[in-house]
Amino acid sequence: MATVNADTWATELGALSRQRPRLITTGRPVEAGTSGGVSRMGTFAALMGALFIGAVAGLFDGAQIMRYIWLGGGSGLMGALSDSLLGATVQRIYFDDELGQETEKPWRRGQALRAVHGWPWMTNDMVNLWASLVGGMVGILLSQLL
């Protein structure tokens, strides 16, 4: 839950950044909304979204609230960053010749778009699934360390 909330906050609040996002793999400036693009504001928003989930979980066990906050923050942020990494490297991306831009969608107005990179099965939904699994695994690891 911390991963998906972190990713949502990063996307929605990161879009408000005055600085262009950069590709997580190369640092090259990209357009807002590009898969794999990150910004300082978006990364900070991701951390805040993850910490929020940890804090809410901690309300159910007040004696260990800080532990939950750390677990939520660490696992959620790592999951959100893995979402960006997967989006930049293996997510299937298409090119819309009519609009002159890349998109995650394989179709536009009933017409198939040209695939430009990524694994055929690695849709945005699959990226979200794998990022959530990474966040969950990091959470399990952190729970053993904290």
N, C-alpha and C. Protein backbone atom coordinates (compact mmCIF):
# COMPACT_ATOMS: atom_id res chain seq x y z
N MET A 1 0.83 -1.18 0.00
CA MET A 1 0.00 0.00 0.00
C MET A 1 0.88 1.25 0.00
N ALA A 2 1.98 1.20 0.73
CA ALA A 2 2.88 2.36 0.78
C ALA A 2 3.47 2.65 -0.60
N THR A 3 3.76 1.61 -1.37
CA THR A 3 4.32 1.80 -2.71
C THR A 3 3.33 2.49 -3.63
N VAL A 4 2.11 2.01 -3.68
CA VAL A 4 1.15 2.60 -4.61
C VAL A 4 0.78 4.03 -4.20
N ASN A 5 0.72 4.28 -2.89
CA ASN A 5 0.44 5.65 -2.45
C ASN A 5 1.62 6.56 -2.78
N ALA A 6 2.83 6.07 -2.55
CA ALA A 6 4.03 6.86 -2.87
C ALA A 6 4.07 7.18 -4.36
N ASP A 7 3.78 6.19 -5.19
CA ASP A 7 3.79 6.40 -6.64
C ASP A 7 2.73 7.42 -7.06
N THR A 8 1.55 7.32 -6.47
CA THR A 8 0.48 8.27 -6.80
C THR A 8 0.85 9.69 -6.38
N TRP A 9 1.34 9.86 -5.17
CA TRP A 9 1.73 11.19 -4.72
C TRP A 9 2.86 11.74 -5.58
N ALA A 10 3.82 10.88 -5.95
CA ALA A 10 4.94 11.32 -6.79
C ALA A 10 4.43 11.82 -8.14
N THR A 11 3.51 11.08 -8.73
CA THR A 11 2.97 11.46 -10.03
C THR A 11 2.17 12.75 -9.95
N GLU A 12 1.25 12.81 -9.01
CA GLU A 12 0.34 13.96 -8.93
C GLU A 12 1.04 15.22 -8.45
N LEU A 13 1.84 15.12 -7.41
CA LEU A 13 2.51 16.31 -6.87
C LEU A 13 3.78 16.64 -7.65
N GLY A 14 4.46 15.62 -8.16
CA GLY A 14 5.65 15.85 -8.98
C GLY A 14 5.33 16.63 -10.24
N ALA A 15 4.10 16.48 -10.74
CA ALA A 15 3.68 17.21 -11.94
C ALA A 15 3.64 18.72 -11.70
N LEU A 16 3.59 19.13 -10.44
CA LEU A 16 3.55 20.55 -10.10
C LEU A 16 4.94 21.18 -10.06
N SER A 17 5.96 20.36 -10.19
CA SER A 17 7.34 20.85 -10.10
C SER A 17 7.65 21.82 -11.24
N ARG A 18 8.41 22.84 -10.93
CA ARG A 18 8.84 23.79 -11.97
C ARG A 18 10.03 23.24 -12.75
N GLN A 19 10.70 22.25 -12.20
CA GLN A 19 11.84 21.64 -12.89
C GLN A 19 11.36 20.46 -13.72
N ARG A 20 11.97 20.30 -14.89
CA ARG A 20 11.64 19.15 -15.73
C ARG A 20 12.12 17.88 -15.06
N PRO A 21 11.33 16.81 -15.16
CA PRO A 21 11.81 15.54 -14.62
C PRO A 21 12.97 15.01 -15.44
N ARG A 22 13.72 14.13 -14.83
CA ARG A 22 14.86 13.50 -15.49
C ARG A 22 14.67 11.99 -15.47
N LEU A 23 15.15 11.35 -16.52
CA LEU A 23 15.06 9.90 -16.59
C LEU A 23 15.90 9.31 -15.47
N ILE A 24 15.33 8.38 -14.71
CA ILE A 24 16.01 7.83 -13.54
C ILE A 24 17.30 7.10 -13.92
N THR A 25 17.39 6.59 -15.14
CA THR A 25 18.56 5.81 -15.55
C THR A 25 19.71 6.65 -16.07
N THR A 26 19.40 7.75 -16.76
CA THR A 26 20.46 8.53 -17.42
C THR A 26 20.56 9.97 -16.93
N GLY A 27 19.51 10.45 -16.28
CA GLY A 27 19.49 11.85 -15.87
C GLY A 27 19.10 12.80 -16.99
N ARG A 28 18.77 12.26 -18.16
CA ARG A 28 18.37 13.10 -19.30
C ARG A 28 17.00 13.73 -19.02
N PRO A 29 16.87 15.04 -19.28
CA PRO A 29 15.56 15.68 -19.08
C PRO A 29 14.50 15.06 -19.99
N VAL A 30 13.31 14.85 -19.43
CA VAL A 30 12.19 14.28 -20.18
C VAL A 30 10.93 15.11 -19.90
N GLU A 31 9.92 14.89 -20.69
CA GLU A 31 8.64 15.58 -20.49
C GLU A 31 7.94 15.02 -19.25
N ALA A 32 7.19 15.86 -18.57
CA ALA A 32 6.39 15.41 -17.43
C ALA A 32 5.46 14.30 -17.90
N GLY A 33 5.34 13.26 -17.09
CA GLY A 33 4.49 12.13 -17.43
C GLY A 33 5.21 11.01 -18.14
N THR A 34 6.49 11.21 -18.48
CA THR A 34 7.27 10.17 -19.14
C THR A 34 7.56 9.04 -18.15
N SER A 35 7.33 7.80 -18.57
CA SER A 35 7.64 6.66 -17.71
C SER A 35 9.12 6.66 -17.37
N GLY A 36 9.42 6.57 -16.09
CA GLY A 36 10.81 6.57 -15.65
C GLY A 36 11.33 7.95 -15.31
N GLY A 37 10.52 8.98 -15.49
CA GLY A 37 10.93 10.33 -15.15
C GLY A 37 10.76 10.60 -13.67
N VAL A 38 11.75 11.24 -13.07
CA VAL A 38 11.70 11.58 -11.64
C VAL A 38 12.11 13.04 -11.45
N SER A 39 11.63 13.63 -10.37
CA SER A 39 12.02 14.98 -10.00
C SER A 39 12.22 15.01 -8.49
N ARG A 40 12.89 16.05 -8.02
CA ARG A 40 13.07 16.18 -6.57
C ARG A 40 11.73 16.27 -5.87
N MET A 41 10.86 17.11 -6.42
CA MET A 41 9.54 17.28 -5.80
C MET A 41 8.76 15.97 -5.80
N GLY A 42 8.80 15.25 -6.91
CA GLY A 42 8.09 13.98 -7.00
C GLY A 42 8.65 12.94 -6.05
N THR A 43 9.97 12.90 -5.92
CA THR A 43 10.60 11.94 -5.01
C THR A 43 10.26 12.28 -3.56
N PHE A 44 10.28 13.57 -3.23
CA PHE A 44 9.89 13.99 -1.88
C PHE A 44 8.43 13.65 -1.62
N ALA A 45 7.57 13.87 -2.61
CA ALA A 45 6.15 13.53 -2.47
C ALA A 45 5.98 12.02 -2.28
N ALA A 46 6.78 11.22 -2.99
CA ALA A 46 6.73 9.77 -2.82
C ALA A 46 7.06 9.39 -1.39
N LEU A 47 8.11 9.98 -0.85
CA LEU A 47 8.50 9.69 0.53
C LEU A 47 7.38 10.08 1.49
N MET A 48 6.79 11.25 1.29
CA MET A 48 5.71 11.70 2.17
C MET A 48 4.50 10.77 2.08
N GLY A 49 4.18 10.33 0.86
CA GLY A 49 3.06 9.40 0.68
C GLY A 49 3.30 8.07 1.36
N ALA A 50 4.53 7.60 1.29
CA ALA A 50 4.89 6.33 1.94
C ALA A 50 4.87 6.48 3.46
N LEU A 51 5.44 7.58 3.96
CA LEU A 51 5.43 7.82 5.41
C LEU A 51 4.00 7.94 5.94
N PHE A 52 3.13 8.55 5.15
CA PHE A 52 1.73 8.69 5.54
C PHE A 52 1.08 7.33 5.77
N ILE A 53 1.31 6.40 4.85
CA ILE A 53 0.75 5.05 5.00
C ILE A 53 1.33 4.38 6.24
N GLY A 54 2.63 4.55 6.47
CA GLY A 54 3.23 4.00 7.68
C GLY A 54 2.62 4.58 8.94
N ALA A 55 2.36 5.88 8.93
CA ALA A 55 1.77 6.54 10.10
C ALA A 55 0.35 6.04 10.35
N VAL A 56 -0.42 5.89 9.28
CA VAL A 56 -1.79 5.38 9.44
C VAL A 56 -1.76 3.97 10.00
N ALA A 57 -0.88 3.12 9.48
CA ALA A 57 -0.75 1.76 10.00
C ALA A 57 -0.33 1.79 11.47
N GLY A 58 0.56 2.71 11.81
CA GLY A 58 1.03 2.82 13.19
C GLY A 58 -0.04 3.23 14.17
N LEU A 59 -1.09 3.89 13.70
CA LEU A 59 -2.19 4.28 14.59
C LEU A 59 -2.88 3.07 15.21
N PHE A 60 -2.77 1.93 14.56
CA PHE A 60 -3.39 0.71 15.08
C PHE A 60 -2.51 0.01 16.11
N ASP A 61 -1.28 0.46 16.25
CA ASP A 61 -0.35 -0.11 17.23
C ASP A 61 0.53 1.03 17.73
N GLY A 62 -0.05 1.90 18.52
CA GLY A 62 0.62 3.11 18.96
C GLY A 62 1.97 2.88 19.61
N ALA A 63 2.17 1.72 20.22
CA ALA A 63 3.44 1.44 20.89
C ALA A 63 4.60 1.35 19.90
N GLN A 64 4.28 1.03 18.65
CA GLN A 64 5.34 0.86 17.65
C GLN A 64 5.16 1.80 16.46
N ILE A 65 4.56 2.94 16.68
CA ILE A 65 4.22 3.83 15.56
C ILE A 65 5.45 4.24 14.75
N MET A 66 6.57 4.51 15.41
CA MET A 66 7.77 4.91 14.66
C MET A 66 8.28 3.77 13.78
N ARG A 67 8.15 2.56 14.25
CA ARG A 67 8.56 1.40 13.45
C ARG A 67 7.72 1.34 12.17
N TYR A 68 6.43 1.54 12.30
CA TYR A 68 5.55 1.52 11.13
C TYR A 68 5.86 2.67 10.17
N ILE A 69 6.15 3.82 10.73
CA ILE A 69 6.49 4.97 9.88
C ILE A 69 7.75 4.67 9.07
N TRP A 70 8.77 4.12 9.73
CA TRP A 70 10.01 3.77 9.03
C TRP A 70 9.76 2.68 7.99
N LEU A 71 8.97 1.67 8.35
CA LEU A 71 8.65 0.60 7.40
C LEU A 71 7.91 1.14 6.18
N GLY A 72 6.90 1.95 6.42
CA GLY A 72 6.14 2.52 5.31
C GLY A 72 7.01 3.40 4.43
N GLY A 73 7.80 4.26 5.07
CA GLY A 73 8.66 5.18 4.31
C GLY A 73 9.69 4.46 3.48
N GLY A 74 10.39 3.52 4.09
CA GLY A 74 11.45 2.80 3.37
C GLY A 74 10.93 1.91 2.27
N SER A 75 9.91 1.12 2.59
CA SER A 75 9.40 0.18 1.58
C SER A 75 8.65 0.92 0.47
N GLY A 76 7.88 1.93 0.84
CA GLY A 76 7.13 2.68 -0.17
C GLY A 76 8.02 3.45 -1.11
N LEU A 77 9.04 4.10 -0.57
CA LEU A 77 9.96 4.86 -1.43
C LEU A 77 10.72 3.93 -2.36
N MET A 78 11.21 2.81 -1.84
CA MET A 78 11.93 1.87 -2.70
C MET A 78 11.02 1.28 -3.78
N GLY A 79 9.78 1.00 -3.42
CA GLY A 79 8.83 0.51 -4.41
C GLY A 79 8.55 1.54 -5.49
N ALA A 80 8.37 2.79 -5.09
CA ALA A 80 8.10 3.86 -6.07
C ALA A 80 9.30 4.08 -6.98
N LEU A 81 10.51 4.03 -6.43
CA LEU A 81 11.70 4.19 -7.26
C LEU A 81 11.87 3.00 -8.21
N SER A 82 11.49 1.80 -7.75
CA SER A 82 11.57 0.64 -8.66
C SER A 82 10.54 0.78 -9.78
N ASP A 83 9.40 1.40 -9.49
CA ASP A 83 8.41 1.69 -10.53
C ASP A 83 9.03 2.57 -11.61
N SER A 84 9.75 3.60 -11.19
CA SER A 84 10.41 4.50 -12.16
C SER A 84 11.48 3.76 -12.94
N LEU A 85 12.25 2.92 -12.26
CA LEU A 85 13.31 2.17 -12.93
C LEU A 85 12.72 1.21 -13.97
N LEU A 86 11.69 0.48 -13.59
CA LEU A 86 11.04 -0.42 -14.54
C LEU A 86 10.41 0.35 -15.70
N GLY A 87 9.81 1.49 -15.39
CA GLY A 87 9.20 2.32 -16.43
C GLY A 87 10.22 2.83 -17.44
N ALA A 88 11.42 3.12 -16.96
CA ALA A 88 12.46 3.64 -17.84
C ALA A 88 13.17 2.56 -18.65
N THR A 89 13.12 1.32 -18.18
CA THR A 89 13.94 0.29 -18.81
C THR A 89 13.16 -0.79 -19.56
N VAL A 90 12.12 -1.36 -18.96
CA VAL A 90 11.48 -2.52 -19.57
C VAL A 90 10.00 -2.35 -19.87
N GLN A 91 9.40 -1.25 -19.43
CA GLN A 91 7.98 -1.04 -19.74
C GLN A 91 7.80 -0.83 -21.23
N ARG A 92 6.76 -1.44 -21.79
CA ARG A 92 6.46 -1.30 -23.22
C ARG A 92 5.97 0.12 -23.49
N ILE A 93 6.63 0.78 -24.41
CA ILE A 93 6.30 2.15 -24.79
C ILE A 93 6.01 2.18 -26.29
N TYR A 94 5.01 2.96 -26.65
CA TYR A 94 4.57 3.09 -28.03
C TYR A 94 4.77 4.53 -28.50
N PHE A 95 4.79 4.71 -29.83
CA PHE A 95 4.91 6.06 -30.38
C PHE A 95 3.67 6.38 -31.19
N ASP A 96 3.09 7.52 -30.87
CA ASP A 96 1.91 8.01 -31.59
C ASP A 96 2.40 9.01 -32.63
N ASP A 97 2.43 8.59 -33.90
CA ASP A 97 2.93 9.45 -34.97
C ASP A 97 2.08 10.70 -35.15
N GLU A 98 0.78 10.56 -34.94
CA GLU A 98 -0.12 11.70 -35.11
C GLU A 98 0.16 12.81 -34.09
N LEU A 99 0.41 12.42 -32.85
CA LEU A 99 0.70 13.39 -31.80
C LEU A 99 2.19 13.70 -31.68
N GLY A 100 3.02 12.82 -32.26
CA GLY A 100 4.46 13.01 -32.20
C GLY A 100 5.04 12.80 -30.81
N GLN A 101 4.47 11.84 -30.07
CA GLN A 101 4.97 11.60 -28.72
C GLN A 101 4.82 10.15 -28.31
N GLU A 102 5.61 9.76 -27.29
CA GLU A 102 5.53 8.42 -26.74
C GLU A 102 4.33 8.31 -25.81
N THR A 103 3.84 7.07 -25.68
CA THR A 103 2.70 6.81 -24.81
C THR A 103 2.77 5.38 -24.28
N GLU A 104 2.07 5.13 -23.19
CA GLU A 104 1.98 3.78 -22.63
C GLU A 104 0.85 2.99 -23.29
N LYS A 105 0.00 3.67 -24.00
CA LYS A 105 -1.18 3.05 -24.60
C LYS A 105 -0.84 2.44 -25.96
N PRO A 106 -1.26 1.18 -26.22
CA PRO A 106 -0.96 0.54 -27.50
C PRO A 106 -1.89 0.95 -28.64
N TRP A 107 -2.99 1.63 -28.32
CA TRP A 107 -3.99 1.99 -29.33
C TRP A 107 -4.38 3.45 -29.19
N ARG A 108 -4.77 4.04 -30.33
CA ARG A 108 -5.37 5.37 -30.32
C ARG A 108 -6.38 5.42 -31.44
N ARG A 109 -7.62 5.72 -31.08
CA ARG A 109 -8.72 5.79 -32.05
C ARG A 109 -8.84 4.50 -32.88
N GLY A 110 -8.66 3.38 -32.22
CA GLY A 110 -8.79 2.09 -32.89
C GLY A 110 -7.60 1.68 -33.72
N GLN A 111 -6.56 2.50 -33.75
CA GLN A 111 -5.36 2.20 -34.54
C GLN A 111 -4.23 1.75 -33.62
N ALA A 112 -3.56 0.67 -34.00
CA ALA A 112 -2.42 0.19 -33.22
C ALA A 112 -1.26 1.17 -33.39
N LEU A 113 -0.58 1.44 -32.30
CA LEU A 113 0.58 2.33 -32.34
C LEU A 113 1.85 1.50 -32.44
N ARG A 114 2.90 2.14 -32.89
CA ARG A 114 4.18 1.48 -33.10
C ARG A 114 4.92 1.34 -31.77
N ALA A 115 5.32 0.10 -31.43
CA ALA A 115 6.10 -0.16 -30.22
C ALA A 115 7.53 0.33 -30.45
N VAL A 116 8.08 1.06 -29.48
CA VAL A 116 9.45 1.57 -29.64
C VAL A 116 10.44 0.90 -28.70
N HIS A 117 10.01 0.48 -27.54
CA HIS A 117 10.90 -0.29 -26.67
C HIS A 117 10.11 -0.92 -25.52
N GLY A 118 10.76 -1.81 -24.82
CA GLY A 118 10.15 -2.48 -23.68
C GLY A 118 9.69 -3.88 -24.02
N TRP A 119 9.46 -4.64 -22.98
CA TRP A 119 8.99 -6.01 -23.14
C TRP A 119 7.50 -5.99 -23.49
N PRO A 120 7.07 -6.82 -24.43
CA PRO A 120 5.67 -6.79 -24.87
C PRO A 120 4.65 -6.94 -23.74
N TRP A 121 4.94 -7.73 -22.74
CA TRP A 121 3.99 -7.99 -21.65
C TRP A 121 4.11 -7.01 -20.49
N MET A 122 5.11 -6.12 -20.52
CA MET A 122 5.36 -5.22 -19.39
C MET A 122 4.57 -3.92 -19.56
N THR A 123 3.27 -4.02 -19.34
CA THR A 123 2.38 -2.86 -19.40
C THR A 123 2.57 -2.02 -18.13
N ASN A 124 1.93 -0.86 -18.10
CA ASN A 124 1.99 -0.03 -16.90
C ASN A 124 1.40 -0.76 -15.70
N ASP A 125 0.35 -1.55 -15.93
CA ASP A 125 -0.23 -2.32 -14.83
C ASP A 125 0.77 -3.35 -14.29
N MET A 126 1.53 -3.97 -15.18
CA MET A 126 2.55 -4.93 -14.73
C MET A 126 3.67 -4.22 -13.97
N VAL A 127 4.05 -3.04 -14.43
CA VAL A 127 5.06 -2.26 -13.71
C VAL A 127 4.57 -1.98 -12.29
N ASN A 128 3.31 -1.58 -12.17
CA ASN A 128 2.74 -1.31 -10.85
C ASN A 128 2.75 -2.56 -9.97
N LEU A 129 2.41 -3.70 -10.55
CA LEU A 129 2.43 -4.95 -9.80
C LEU A 129 3.83 -5.28 -9.31
N TRP A 130 4.82 -5.23 -10.20
CA TRP A 130 6.19 -5.57 -9.82
C TRP A 130 6.76 -4.57 -8.82
N ALA A 131 6.45 -3.30 -8.99
CA ALA A 131 6.92 -2.30 -8.03
C ALA A 131 6.30 -2.55 -6.66
N SER A 132 5.04 -2.94 -6.62
CA SER A 132 4.39 -3.26 -5.35
C SER A 132 5.04 -4.47 -4.69
N LEU A 133 5.40 -5.45 -5.50
CA LEU A 133 6.10 -6.63 -4.96
C LEU A 133 7.46 -6.24 -4.39
N VAL A 134 8.18 -5.37 -5.09
CA VAL A 134 9.48 -4.89 -4.58
C VAL A 134 9.27 -4.17 -3.25
N GLY A 135 8.28 -3.27 -3.20
CA GLY A 135 8.00 -2.56 -1.96
C GLY A 135 7.65 -3.52 -0.83
N GLY A 136 6.86 -4.54 -1.13
CA GLY A 136 6.52 -5.54 -0.12
C GLY A 136 7.72 -6.31 0.37
N MET A 137 8.61 -6.69 -0.56
CA MET A 137 9.82 -7.42 -0.16
C MET A 137 10.74 -6.55 0.69
N VAL A 138 10.87 -5.28 0.31
CA VAL A 138 11.68 -4.36 1.11
C VAL A 138 11.06 -4.22 2.50
N GLY A 139 9.73 -4.15 2.56
CA GLY A 139 9.05 -4.06 3.85
C GLY A 139 9.32 -5.27 4.72
N ILE A 140 9.30 -6.46 4.13
CA ILE A 140 9.61 -7.67 4.90
C ILE A 140 11.04 -7.62 5.42
N LEU A 141 11.98 -7.22 4.56
CA LEU A 141 13.38 -7.11 4.98
C LEU A 141 13.54 -6.09 6.11
N LEU A 142 12.94 -4.92 5.93
CA LEU A 142 13.05 -3.88 6.96
C LEU A 142 12.41 -4.31 8.27
N SER A 143 11.32 -5.07 8.19
CA SER A 143 10.66 -5.51 9.42
C SER A 143 11.56 -6.43 10.24
N GLN A 144 12.47 -7.13 9.56
CA GLN A 144 13.42 -7.99 10.27
C GLN A 144 14.57 -7.19 10.87
N LEU A 145 14.84 -6.03 10.28
CA LEU A 145 15.97 -5.21 10.74
C LEU A 145 15.56 -4.19 11.80
N LEU A 146 14.31 -3.77 11.79
CA LEU A 146 13.86 -2.73 12.73
C LEU A 146 13.26 -3.32 13.99
